[in-house]
Protein backbone atom coordinates (compact mmCIF):
# COMPACT_ATOMS: atom_id res chain seq x y z
CA MET A 1 114.85 137.93 78.54
CA ALA A 2 113.64 139.34 81.80
CA GLY A 3 114.25 137.54 85.04
CA GLU A 4 111.57 136.94 87.76
CA GLY A 5 112.63 139.82 90.53
CA GLN A 6 111.59 142.37 86.69
CA LEU A 7 108.62 140.90 86.64
CA LEU A 8 106.77 140.53 89.74
CA GLN A 9 108.16 144.36 89.77
CA ALA A 10 106.77 145.32 86.25
CA ALA A 11 103.31 143.46 87.27
CA ARG A 12 103.13 145.44 91.05
CA GLU A 13 103.81 148.48 89.52
CA GLU A 14 101.26 148.08 86.70
CA LYS A 15 98.54 147.63 89.41
CA GLN A 16 99.97 150.83 90.53
CA TRP A 17 100.43 149.40 94.25
CA SER A 18 102.49 150.56 97.17
CA TYR A 19 105.13 148.72 99.44
CA PRO A 20 102.56 149.15 102.49
CA TYR A 21 99.61 147.87 100.50
CA THR A 22 101.10 144.96 98.95
CA GLU A 23 102.82 144.13 102.65
CA GLU A 24 98.90 144.19 103.12
CA ILE A 25 97.69 142.01 100.34
CA THR A 26 100.24 139.50 100.54
CA LYS A 27 100.87 139.25 103.23
CA ILE A 28 104.63 139.47 102.84
CA ARG A 29 107.19 142.19 104.69
CA ILE A 30 108.12 144.90 102.72
CA ARG A 31 111.69 144.01 103.12
CA TYR A 32 111.63 140.67 101.36
CA ILE A 33 109.77 142.05 98.72
CA LYS A 34 112.25 144.32 97.59
CA ALA A 35 114.20 141.14 97.64
CA LEU A 36 112.47 139.45 95.13
CA GLU A 37 111.91 141.36 92.98
CA GLU A 38 115.77 142.86 93.09
CA GLU A 39 116.37 139.10 93.14
CA LYS A 40 118.67 139.32 96.47
CA TYR A 41 117.09 135.80 97.83
CA GLU A 42 120.36 135.34 100.23
CA ILE A 43 117.84 137.25 102.32
CA LEU A 44 115.46 135.24 103.22
CA PRO A 45 115.21 132.60 105.63
CA GLY A 46 116.15 129.53 102.68
CA THR A 47 115.29 128.30 99.32
CA THR A 48 111.93 126.94 100.68
CA TYR A 49 110.77 130.10 101.31
CA VAL A 50 111.99 131.67 98.45
CA LYS A 51 109.68 130.33 96.57
CA GLY A 52 106.78 130.23 98.77
CA TYR A 53 107.08 134.09 98.35
CA LEU A 54 107.40 133.58 94.98
CA ARG A 55 104.42 131.45 93.95
CA THR A 56 102.29 133.97 96.06
CA TYR A 57 103.15 136.91 95.44
CA ALA A 58 103.18 136.03 91.26
CA LYS A 59 99.70 134.74 91.29
CA LEU A 60 98.28 137.30 93.39
CA LEU A 61 99.27 140.04 90.85
CA GLY A 62 97.73 137.74 88.57
CA LEU A 63 101.26 135.94 86.36
CA ASN A 64 101.97 132.03 86.25
CA PRO A 65 103.71 131.21 89.40
CA ASN A 66 104.72 127.91 87.86
CA GLU A 67 106.63 130.39 84.83
CA ILE A 68 108.41 132.67 87.91
CA ILE A 69 109.25 129.28 90.00
CA SER A 70 110.92 128.38 86.47
CA LEU A 71 113.04 131.36 85.73
CA TYR A 72 114.13 130.90 90.00
CA ASN A 73 115.15 128.05 89.22
CA ALA A 74 117.62 128.15 86.10
CA THR A 75 119.94 130.48 88.22
CA ALA A 76 119.50 129.73 91.56
CA LYS A 77 122.07 127.40 93.61
CA ASN A 78 120.93 125.01 95.34
CA ASP A 79 121.71 124.62 99.59
CA PRO A 80 124.23 122.77 101.02
CA ILE A 81 123.29 119.73 102.34
CA SER A 82 124.79 119.30 105.89
CA ILE A 83 126.72 115.71 106.30
CA LEU A 84 126.50 114.55 110.15
CA ALA A 85 130.21 113.49 110.72
CA VAL A 86 130.06 109.81 112.28
CA PRO A 87 132.53 109.31 115.05
CA ASN A 88 134.89 106.43 115.22
CA ALA A 89 134.89 105.21 118.37
CA LEU A 90 132.44 103.06 118.81
CA VAL A 91 129.16 103.51 121.08
CA LYS A 92 128.64 100.59 123.65
CA VAL A 93 125.00 99.42 123.88
CA ARG A 94 123.68 98.05 127.03
CA PRO A 95 121.67 94.42 126.97
CA PHE A 96 118.11 95.07 126.72
CA TRP A 97 117.07 93.65 129.93
CA LEU A 98 120.25 95.40 131.71
CA ARG A 99 117.86 99.18 131.20
CA PRO A 100 116.62 100.86 133.93
CA ALA A 101 112.73 100.60 132.13
CA ILE A 102 112.69 97.06 131.57
CA ILE A 103 114.38 96.55 135.78
CA GLY A 104 111.63 98.80 137.14
CA SER A 105 109.24 96.90 134.82
CA ILE A 106 109.88 93.66 136.14
CA ALA A 107 109.95 95.32 140.05
CA ILE A 108 106.42 96.14 139.94
CA LEU A 109 105.02 92.87 138.38
CA ALA A 110 107.76 91.29 141.30
CA ILE A 111 105.58 93.11 143.96
CA VAL A 112 102.35 92.78 142.03
CA LEU A 113 102.74 88.57 142.57
CA ILE A 114 103.79 88.47 145.69
CA VAL A 115 100.55 90.66 147.00
CA VAL A 116 97.98 88.32 144.31
CA VAL A 117 99.74 85.14 146.11
CA LYS A 118 99.14 85.75 149.66
CA ALA A 119 95.39 87.76 149.39
CA LEU A 120 95.33 84.63 148.11
CA SER A 121 96.77 82.20 150.49
CA GLN A 122 94.64 83.75 152.98
CA GLY A 123 91.37 81.45 152.74
CA GLY A 124 88.22 81.96 154.91
CA THR A 125 84.53 82.20 155.34
CA LYS A 126 83.05 85.54 154.00
CA THR A 127 79.07 86.56 155.24
CA VAL A 128 77.14 87.03 152.71
CA ASP A 129 74.92 89.88 153.68
CA PRO A 130 70.56 88.93 153.45
CA PRO A 131 69.42 90.24 150.13
CA TYR A 132 68.05 93.45 149.84
CA GLU A 133 64.29 94.38 150.59
CA PRO A 134 62.31 98.00 149.27
CA ALA A 135 60.57 99.26 151.38
CA ALA A 136 57.25 99.73 150.04
CA LEU A 137 56.14 102.82 148.18
CA PRO A 138 53.14 105.03 150.43
CA SER A 139 49.75 105.24 148.69
CA ALA A 140 49.01 108.09 147.28
CA PRO A 141 46.69 111.16 148.61
CA GLN A 142 43.23 111.59 147.20
CA THR A 143 42.49 114.09 145.23
CA GLU A 144 39.38 115.51 144.14
CA ASN A 145 38.85 115.97 140.21
CA THR A 146 38.92 119.04 138.93
CA THR A 147 38.23 120.53 135.91
CA PRO A 148 41.64 122.47 134.45
CA ALA A 149 40.91 126.90 133.80
CA PRO A 150 41.06 127.77 130.43
CA VAL A 151 44.25 128.52 128.93
CA THR A 152 44.96 131.86 126.48
CA PRO A 153 46.67 131.82 123.94
CA VAL A 154 48.99 134.24 124.06
CA VAL A 155 49.96 136.53 120.16
CA PRO A 156 53.13 138.38 119.47
CA ASP A 157 52.78 141.33 118.72
CA PRO A 158 53.62 141.74 115.36
CA SER A 159 56.44 144.54 116.10
CA ASP A 160 58.30 141.86 118.49
CA VAL A 161 58.35 139.88 115.45
CA VAL A 162 60.25 142.56 112.99
CA ALA A 163 62.45 142.89 115.95
CA THR A 164 63.77 139.60 116.27
CA THR A 165 64.03 138.56 112.42
CA GLN A 166 65.87 142.04 112.38
CA ASP A 167 68.70 141.29 114.81
CA GLY A 168 72.20 140.68 114.01
CA LEU A 169 73.37 141.62 110.07
CA THR A 170 74.07 139.77 107.19
CA MET A 171 75.51 141.02 104.70
CA GLN A 172 75.94 139.55 101.48
CA LEU A 173 78.72 140.34 98.78
CA VAL A 174 77.69 140.15 95.10
CA PHE A 175 81.44 139.65 93.14
CA THR A 176 80.81 141.34 89.57
CA GLN A 177 84.98 140.77 88.78
CA ALA A 178 87.43 139.89 90.41
CA CYS A 179 88.10 141.36 93.66
CA TRP A 180 90.31 141.52 97.09
CA VAL A 181 88.98 142.36 100.16
CA VAL A 182 89.36 141.74 103.58
CA VAL A 183 86.25 141.58 106.72
CA ARG A 184 86.08 141.81 109.86
CA VAL A 185 82.97 141.12 111.77
CA ASP A 186 82.79 142.50 115.34
CA GLY A 187 86.42 143.41 115.76
CA GLN A 188 87.65 139.92 114.82
CA PRO A 189 88.70 138.89 111.18
CA SER A 190 86.30 136.64 109.23
CA LEU A 191 86.90 137.17 105.44
CA GLU A 192 90.14 137.58 103.27
CA GLY A 193 91.69 136.69 99.71
CA THR A 194 91.04 137.68 95.84
CA PHE A 195 87.29 135.79 94.55
CA ALA A 196 86.66 135.70 91.25
CA ALA A 197 83.70 137.32 89.30
CA GLY A 198 80.18 135.29 89.98
CA THR A 199 81.64 134.03 92.80
CA THR A 200 79.09 134.75 96.28
CA LYS A 201 79.65 135.35 99.95
CA GLU A 202 77.64 135.21 103.31
CA VAL A 203 79.11 137.30 106.41
CA LYS A 204 77.06 137.38 109.46
CA GLY A 205 77.44 139.71 112.67
CA THR A 206 76.11 140.58 115.63
CA ASN A 207 77.10 144.17 116.09
CA LYS A 208 79.58 145.60 113.23
CA ILE A 209 81.10 144.34 110.16
CA GLU A 210 83.73 146.57 108.66
CA LEU A 211 84.53 146.25 104.96
CA VAL A 212 88.85 146.77 105.58
CA THR A 213 89.56 146.82 102.79
CA ILE A 214 87.86 146.86 98.72
CA GLY A 215 90.76 146.26 96.28
CA ASN A 216 88.32 146.26 93.13
CA ALA A 217 85.36 148.16 94.74
CA GLY A 218 83.45 148.60 91.12
CA GLY A 219 83.30 145.04 91.31
CA LEU A 220 81.57 144.17 94.04
CA SER A 221 77.74 144.74 95.35
CA VAL A 222 77.00 144.57 98.77
CA THR A 223 73.31 143.66 100.07
CA LEU A 224 73.08 144.35 104.77
CA ASN A 225 69.63 142.50 106.05
CA GLY A 226 67.96 142.36 102.27
CA LYS A 227 68.49 146.08 101.48
CA THR A 228 71.08 146.66 98.72
CA LEU A 229 73.84 149.51 99.45
CA PRO A 230 75.27 151.89 97.30
CA SER A 231 78.17 151.09 94.90
CA LEU A 232 81.31 151.49 97.02
CA GLY A 233 83.00 153.00 94.10
CA LYS A 234 84.70 152.74 90.71
CA ALA A 235 86.65 149.75 88.79
CA GLY A 236 89.98 148.96 90.08
CA GLU A 237 89.51 151.91 92.82
CA VAL A 238 90.45 150.48 95.79
CA VAL A 239 88.45 151.44 98.97
CA SER A 240 89.13 150.82 102.79
CA ASN A 241 87.01 151.92 106.30
CA VAL A 242 83.26 150.25 105.78
CA VAL A 243 81.11 150.25 108.67
CA LEU A 244 78.53 148.34 108.60
CA THR A 245 75.92 148.88 112.22
CA GLN A 246 72.49 148.59 113.12
CA GLU A 247 71.91 151.96 112.41
CA TYR A 248 73.29 152.55 109.42
CA TRP A 249 71.02 150.04 108.39
CA GLU A 250 67.93 152.25 109.48
CA GLN A 251 69.62 154.78 106.83
CA LEU A 252 69.80 152.98 103.95
């Protein structure tokens, strides 16, 4: 029976994924991808990283992550458990009341107590200020009754309304097949992952929306500000760097 590394390599080669493309999809370095496929786990930082990478890699390749982890567990060697040495000499523990923090708190409390006692001992009469009386408000000036001039309502220009509704970019993604996408909005990462058929996503931007990578161009339908884009590619085709702008929308 093939090991987990051979299953991962076979699945990758069946999808015709190169190592650089696999690194971009999985976010796992090429060095570690090769280590997983060749089962050279000593290259990776530890057992926890190995299992995490195996689970992520298997899931993106369409394999059963639990089956891959079971194959790994059947042959993997557990990480050694480090045992801390206990010193033979006894450690002297300072009494609780002699600790610096406790001594400092006691000193502060004593100072506060002395200040309070001194303040209470200094009696005396206090003068009471007379109650505050607000000054009388001046009377309001007399004004003549005038009828306000009628206000003419301002009717917005229809062209301004259309321009407002078209501000910014709104992209809708409809996945008709399972598809991997990486989307960047106005230069910042916005959406990334593998989405099943029937999924719908909406992305909004100001100046530019970039479809950095589309893993299955035939399985994705794209609408920009209400206009449907032409087909981006065939089923299984990988398409990169599709840039959507206001100028692109006006040419649709």
